[in-house]
Amino acid sequence: MFCSASSSFPPECYTWFFSCCREKIKATIPPQLAYGKRGFPPNIPADSVLQFEVEVVSMFKQTSWQKVLNEVLPLVCMGLVPGMLCLIGFYLYSKSSAPKVSKKKLKEDKKNKLKRK
């Protein structure tokens, strides 16, 4: 089995999540994802492939809050992000399409207001 740190979850990694209690899993980690060319002297030599045999001792059922965090929250965020991007885009569009007033015009308006008082 090979689990890459760069990809989210390749199909081989799902065996970790869907394994049963007392099941033994063999994992092989290539050198580029383990200790690489340096190794970990004196115990692990350079460019060594790591092999693990893991036994699943127990599994815990998710609580309702864990279920909400793991399943519902990502869906809510997927809806909120495009909504926020639309609001930001609308704000920038309305700001850019608003008539621009020069500094000279603003000064003249200020003087006119002062004269009226």
N, C-alpha and C. Protein backbone atom coordinates (compact mmCIF):
# COMPACT_ATOMS: atom_id res chain seq x y z
N MET A 1 0.85 -1.16 0.00
CA MET A 1 0.00 0.00 0.00
C MET A 1 0.89 1.23 0.00
N PHE A 2 0.44 2.27 -0.68
CA PHE A 2 1.23 3.49 -0.82
C PHE A 2 0.33 4.68 -0.60
N CYS A 3 0.62 5.50 0.39
CA CYS A 3 -0.16 6.71 0.67
C CYS A 3 0.72 7.92 0.45
N SER A 4 0.35 8.75 -0.48
CA SER A 4 1.15 9.92 -0.82
C SER A 4 0.72 11.11 0.03
N ALA A 5 1.70 11.85 0.53
CA ALA A 5 1.39 13.04 1.31
C ALA A 5 0.94 14.19 0.43
N SER A 6 1.30 14.14 -0.88
CA SER A 6 0.96 15.25 -1.77
C SER A 6 -0.48 15.19 -2.24
N SER A 7 -1.04 14.01 -2.42
CA SER A 7 -2.44 13.91 -2.85
C SER A 7 -3.33 13.75 -1.63
N SER A 8 -4.60 14.12 -1.78
CA SER A 8 -5.49 14.12 -0.62
C SER A 8 -5.67 12.70 -0.07
N PHE A 9 -6.29 11.80 -0.82
CA PHE A 9 -6.41 10.42 -0.39
C PHE A 9 -6.47 9.52 -1.62
N PRO A 10 -5.37 8.88 -1.98
CA PRO A 10 -5.45 7.92 -3.08
C PRO A 10 -6.27 6.71 -2.65
N PRO A 11 -6.76 5.93 -3.59
CA PRO A 11 -7.64 4.80 -3.26
C PRO A 11 -7.02 3.81 -2.28
N GLU A 12 -5.69 3.67 -2.31
CA GLU A 12 -5.05 2.71 -1.43
C GLU A 12 -5.17 3.12 0.04
N CYS A 13 -5.29 4.41 0.29
CA CYS A 13 -5.35 4.90 1.67
C CYS A 13 -6.70 4.60 2.32
N TYR A 14 -7.72 4.35 1.53
CA TYR A 14 -9.04 4.12 2.11
C TYR A 14 -9.09 2.83 2.92
N THR A 15 -8.17 1.92 2.69
CA THR A 15 -8.16 0.69 3.49
C THR A 15 -7.87 1.02 4.95
N TRP A 16 -7.16 2.11 5.21
CA TRP A 16 -6.90 2.51 6.60
C TRP A 16 -8.22 2.89 7.27
N PHE A 17 -9.09 3.54 6.52
CA PHE A 17 -10.31 4.07 7.12
C PHE A 17 -11.43 3.05 7.18
N PHE A 18 -11.44 2.11 6.27
CA PHE A 18 -12.53 1.14 6.21
C PHE A 18 -12.12 -0.24 6.70
N SER A 19 -11.10 -0.28 7.52
CA SER A 19 -10.66 -1.57 8.04
C SER A 19 -11.48 -1.93 9.27
N CYS A 20 -11.52 -3.21 9.57
CA CYS A 20 -12.29 -3.70 10.70
C CYS A 20 -11.37 -3.91 11.91
N CYS A 21 -11.98 -4.08 13.08
CA CYS A 21 -11.19 -4.34 14.28
C CYS A 21 -10.45 -5.67 14.14
N ARG A 22 -9.29 -5.71 14.71
CA ARG A 22 -8.39 -6.87 14.70
C ARG A 22 -7.89 -7.23 13.31
N GLU A 23 -8.04 -6.32 12.38
CA GLU A 23 -7.53 -6.55 11.03
C GLU A 23 -6.11 -6.02 10.94
N LYS A 24 -5.25 -6.75 10.24
CA LYS A 24 -3.85 -6.32 10.08
C LYS A 24 -3.68 -5.70 8.69
N ILE A 25 -3.00 -4.56 8.66
CA ILE A 25 -2.77 -3.82 7.43
C ILE A 25 -1.28 -3.70 7.22
N LYS A 26 -0.82 -3.95 6.00
CA LYS A 26 0.59 -3.77 5.67
C LYS A 26 0.74 -2.49 4.87
N ALA A 27 1.64 -1.61 5.33
CA ALA A 27 1.88 -0.34 4.66
C ALA A 27 3.34 -0.28 4.22
N THR A 28 3.57 0.14 2.96
CA THR A 28 4.91 0.32 2.44
C THR A 28 5.07 1.79 2.07
N ILE A 29 6.09 2.43 2.65
CA ILE A 29 6.33 3.84 2.39
C ILE A 29 7.65 3.98 1.64
N PRO A 30 7.61 4.55 0.42
CA PRO A 30 8.83 4.68 -0.38
C PRO A 30 9.79 5.70 0.25
N PRO A 31 11.07 5.65 -0.13
CA PRO A 31 12.08 6.53 0.50
C PRO A 31 11.78 8.02 0.36
N GLN A 32 11.22 8.44 -0.79
CA GLN A 32 10.98 9.88 -0.98
C GLN A 32 9.93 10.42 -0.02
N LEU A 33 9.05 9.56 0.50
CA LEU A 33 8.06 10.01 1.49
C LEU A 33 8.49 9.68 2.92
N ALA A 34 9.54 8.88 3.06
CA ALA A 34 10.01 8.51 4.40
C ALA A 34 11.17 9.43 4.81
N TYR A 35 12.37 8.88 4.92
CA TYR A 35 13.52 9.65 5.38
C TYR A 35 14.42 10.11 4.25
N GLY A 36 14.18 9.66 3.02
CA GLY A 36 14.92 10.15 1.85
C GLY A 36 16.38 9.73 1.83
N LYS A 37 17.19 10.56 1.19
CA LYS A 37 18.62 10.24 1.01
C LYS A 37 19.41 10.35 2.30
N ARG A 38 18.93 11.15 3.25
CA ARG A 38 19.67 11.32 4.51
C ARG A 38 19.49 10.13 5.44
N GLY A 39 18.32 9.56 5.43
CA GLY A 39 18.05 8.47 6.36
C GLY A 39 17.93 9.00 7.77
N PHE A 40 18.05 8.12 8.74
CA PHE A 40 18.04 8.50 10.14
C PHE A 40 19.08 7.64 10.86
N PRO A 41 20.37 8.02 10.67
CA PRO A 41 21.46 7.20 11.24
C PRO A 41 21.36 7.14 12.75
N PRO A 42 21.74 6.09 13.37
CA PRO A 42 22.25 4.83 12.87
C PRO A 42 21.16 3.79 12.63
N ASN A 43 19.91 4.11 12.94
CA ASN A 43 18.84 3.10 12.86
C ASN A 43 18.32 2.85 11.45
N ILE A 44 18.12 3.92 10.66
CA ILE A 44 17.52 3.79 9.34
C ILE A 44 18.53 4.27 8.30
N PRO A 45 18.96 3.39 7.39
CA PRO A 45 19.92 3.81 6.37
C PRO A 45 19.28 4.71 5.31
N ALA A 46 20.11 5.34 4.50
CA ALA A 46 19.62 6.23 3.45
C ALA A 46 18.85 5.46 2.39
N ASP A 47 17.88 6.11 1.76
CA ASP A 47 17.05 5.52 0.69
C ASP A 47 16.45 4.17 1.08
N SER A 48 15.94 4.07 2.28
CA SER A 48 15.35 2.80 2.68
C SER A 48 13.82 2.88 2.62
N VAL A 49 13.23 1.78 2.20
CA VAL A 49 11.78 1.66 2.12
C VAL A 49 11.28 1.23 3.48
N LEU A 50 10.29 1.93 4.02
CA LEU A 50 9.74 1.58 5.32
C LEU A 50 8.52 0.69 5.13
N GLN A 51 8.48 -0.39 5.90
CA GLN A 51 7.35 -1.31 5.84
C GLN A 51 6.79 -1.46 7.24
N PHE A 52 5.48 -1.27 7.35
CA PHE A 52 4.81 -1.37 8.64
C PHE A 52 3.70 -2.40 8.54
N GLU A 53 3.47 -3.10 9.65
CA GLU A 53 2.30 -3.96 9.77
C GLU A 53 1.53 -3.45 10.98
N VAL A 54 0.34 -2.93 10.71
CA VAL A 54 -0.46 -2.28 11.74
C VAL A 54 -1.71 -3.12 12.00
N GLU A 55 -2.03 -3.29 13.27
CA GLU A 55 -3.25 -3.99 13.64
C GLU A 55 -4.24 -2.99 14.22
N VAL A 56 -5.44 -2.99 13.67
CA VAL A 56 -6.49 -2.09 14.17
C VAL A 56 -7.04 -2.69 15.45
N VAL A 57 -6.84 -1.97 16.56
CA VAL A 57 -7.23 -2.50 17.86
C VAL A 57 -8.69 -2.18 18.15
N SER A 58 -9.10 -0.95 17.94
CA SER A 58 -10.49 -0.60 18.18
C SER A 58 -10.89 0.56 17.28
N MET A 59 -12.17 0.68 17.07
CA MET A 59 -12.72 1.75 16.25
C MET A 59 -13.78 2.44 17.10
N PHE A 60 -13.83 3.77 16.99
CA PHE A 60 -14.83 4.53 17.73
C PHE A 60 -15.84 5.10 16.76
N LYS A 61 -17.09 5.05 17.16
CA LYS A 61 -18.15 5.62 16.35
C LYS A 61 -18.14 7.14 16.53
N GLN A 62 -18.37 7.84 15.44
CA GLN A 62 -18.37 9.30 15.49
C GLN A 62 -19.55 9.80 16.31
N THR A 63 -19.27 10.85 17.09
CA THR A 63 -20.38 11.50 17.80
C THR A 63 -21.13 12.37 16.80
N SER A 64 -22.26 12.88 17.21
CA SER A 64 -23.07 13.70 16.29
C SER A 64 -22.32 14.97 15.91
N TRP A 65 -21.56 15.57 16.85
CA TRP A 65 -20.81 16.78 16.54
C TRP A 65 -19.67 16.50 15.58
N GLN A 66 -19.00 15.37 15.73
CA GLN A 66 -17.93 15.01 14.79
C GLN A 66 -18.50 14.80 13.40
N LYS A 67 -19.69 14.20 13.35
CA LYS A 67 -20.35 13.97 12.07
C LYS A 67 -20.68 15.30 11.40
N VAL A 68 -21.18 16.26 12.18
CA VAL A 68 -21.50 17.59 11.64
C VAL A 68 -20.24 18.25 11.11
N LEU A 69 -19.17 18.20 11.91
CA LEU A 69 -17.92 18.84 11.49
C LEU A 69 -17.34 18.18 10.24
N ASN A 70 -17.43 16.88 10.14
CA ASN A 70 -16.81 16.17 9.02
C ASN A 70 -17.66 16.14 7.75
N GLU A 71 -18.97 16.21 7.89
CA GLU A 71 -19.83 16.06 6.72
C GLU A 71 -20.57 17.35 6.33
N VAL A 72 -21.12 18.06 7.29
CA VAL A 72 -21.96 19.21 6.99
C VAL A 72 -21.14 20.48 6.80
N LEU A 73 -20.17 20.70 7.67
CA LEU A 73 -19.39 21.94 7.62
C LEU A 73 -18.68 22.15 6.28
N PRO A 74 -18.04 21.13 5.69
CA PRO A 74 -17.43 21.37 4.37
C PRO A 74 -18.45 21.77 3.31
N LEU A 75 -19.66 21.22 3.37
CA LEU A 75 -20.69 21.58 2.40
C LEU A 75 -21.13 23.03 2.59
N VAL A 76 -21.25 23.45 3.85
CA VAL A 76 -21.63 24.84 4.13
C VAL A 76 -20.55 25.78 3.62
N CYS A 77 -19.30 25.42 3.87
CA CYS A 77 -18.19 26.26 3.41
C CYS A 77 -18.14 26.32 1.89
N MET A 78 -18.47 25.21 1.23
CA MET A 78 -18.48 25.21 -0.23
C MET A 78 -19.55 26.16 -0.76
N GLY A 79 -20.59 26.37 -0.01
CA GLY A 79 -21.61 27.33 -0.42
C GLY A 79 -21.27 28.76 -0.05
N LEU A 80 -20.58 28.94 1.08
CA LEU A 80 -20.26 30.28 1.54
C LEU A 80 -19.15 30.94 0.73
N VAL A 81 -18.18 30.18 0.32
CA VAL A 81 -17.04 30.76 -0.41
C VAL A 81 -17.48 31.39 -1.72
N PRO A 82 -18.24 30.71 -2.58
CA PRO A 82 -18.69 31.38 -3.81
C PRO A 82 -19.59 32.58 -3.51
N GLY A 83 -20.41 32.49 -2.47
CA GLY A 83 -21.25 33.62 -2.11
C GLY A 83 -20.43 34.84 -1.71
N MET A 84 -19.40 34.61 -0.92
CA MET A 84 -18.52 35.72 -0.50
C MET A 84 -17.78 36.29 -1.71
N LEU A 85 -17.34 35.43 -2.62
CA LEU A 85 -16.65 35.91 -3.82
C LEU A 85 -17.59 36.75 -4.68
N CYS A 86 -18.85 36.35 -4.76
CA CYS A 86 -19.83 37.15 -5.52
C CYS A 86 -20.03 38.51 -4.88
N LEU A 87 -20.14 38.55 -3.55
CA LEU A 87 -20.32 39.82 -2.87
C LEU A 87 -19.10 40.74 -3.06
N ILE A 88 -17.92 40.17 -2.98
CA ILE A 88 -16.70 40.97 -3.19
C ILE A 88 -16.65 41.48 -4.62
N GLY A 89 -17.00 40.62 -5.58
CA GLY A 89 -17.02 41.03 -6.98
C GLY A 89 -18.03 42.13 -7.23
N PHE A 90 -19.21 42.01 -6.63
CA PHE A 90 -20.24 43.04 -6.79
C PHE A 90 -19.78 44.37 -6.19
N TYR A 91 -19.14 44.31 -5.02
CA TYR A 91 -18.64 45.52 -4.38
C TYR A 91 -17.59 46.20 -5.26
N LEU A 92 -16.65 45.42 -5.77
CA LEU A 92 -15.61 46.00 -6.62
C LEU A 92 -16.18 46.55 -7.92
N TYR A 93 -17.17 45.85 -8.48
CA TYR A 93 -17.81 46.33 -9.70
C TYR A 93 -18.53 47.65 -9.46
N SER A 94 -19.31 47.72 -8.38
CA SER A 94 -20.05 48.95 -8.10
C SER A 94 -19.09 50.10 -7.78
N LYS A 95 -17.99 49.79 -7.13
CA LYS A 95 -17.01 50.83 -6.82
C LYS A 95 -16.33 51.34 -8.09
N SER A 96 -16.04 50.42 -9.02
CA SER A 96 -15.36 50.84 -10.24
C SER A 96 -16.30 51.56 -11.21
N SER A 97 -17.59 51.25 -11.16
CA SER A 97 -18.52 51.88 -12.09
C SER A 97 -19.10 53.19 -11.54
N ALA A 98 -18.78 53.54 -10.29
CA ALA A 98 -19.26 54.80 -9.71
C ALA A 98 -18.55 55.96 -10.40
N PRO A 99 -19.26 57.10 -10.59
CA PRO A 99 -18.62 58.24 -11.25
C PRO A 99 -17.46 58.76 -10.40
N LYS A 100 -16.36 59.06 -11.08
CA LYS A 100 -15.18 59.54 -10.39
C LYS A 100 -15.22 61.07 -10.37
N VAL A 101 -14.97 61.62 -9.21
CA VAL A 101 -14.97 63.07 -9.04
C VAL A 101 -13.52 63.50 -8.80
N SER A 102 -13.10 64.51 -9.55
CA SER A 102 -11.73 64.97 -9.40
C SER A 102 -11.57 65.79 -8.13
N LYS A 103 -10.32 65.95 -7.70
CA LYS A 103 -10.05 66.73 -6.50
C LYS A 103 -10.42 68.20 -6.70
N LYS A 104 -10.22 68.67 -7.90
CA LYS A 104 -10.56 70.06 -8.22
C LYS A 104 -12.06 70.30 -8.03
N LYS A 105 -12.87 69.37 -8.51
CA LYS A 105 -14.32 69.48 -8.39
C LYS A 105 -14.73 69.43 -6.92
N LEU A 106 -14.08 68.57 -6.11
CA LEU A 106 -14.40 68.49 -4.69
C LEU A 106 -14.10 69.80 -3.98
N LYS A 107 -12.97 70.43 -4.31
CA LYS A 107 -12.61 71.71 -3.71
C LYS A 107 -13.64 72.79 -4.07
N GLU A 108 -14.07 72.81 -5.33
CA GLU A 108 -15.07 73.78 -5.77
C GLU A 108 -16.39 73.58 -5.03
N ASP A 109 -16.79 72.34 -4.86
CA ASP A 109 -18.02 72.04 -4.14
C ASP A 109 -17.93 72.51 -2.69
N LYS A 110 -16.77 72.31 -2.06
CA LYS A 110 -16.58 72.75 -0.69
C LYS A 110 -16.70 74.27 -0.58
N LYS A 111 -16.06 74.98 -1.52
CA LYS A 111 -16.13 76.44 -1.52
C LYS A 111 -17.55 76.92 -1.72
N ASN A 112 -18.30 76.30 -2.60
CA ASN A 112 -19.69 76.67 -2.85
C ASN A 112 -20.56 76.46 -1.60
N LYS A 113 -20.30 75.38 -0.87
CA LYS A 113 -21.07 75.11 0.35
C LYS A 113 -20.77 76.17 1.41
N LEU A 114 -19.51 76.55 1.50
CA LEU A 114 -19.13 77.58 2.46
C LEU A 114 -19.75 78.93 2.12
N LYS A 115 -19.81 79.27 0.84
CA LYS A 115 -20.41 80.54 0.40
C LYS A 115 -21.91 80.57 0.70
N ARG A 116 -22.59 79.45 0.58
CA ARG A 116 -24.02 79.39 0.81
C ARG A 116 -24.36 79.63 2.28
N LYS A 117 -23.48 79.27 3.16
CA LYS A 117 -23.73 79.43 4.60
C LYS A 117 -23.54 80.85 4.95
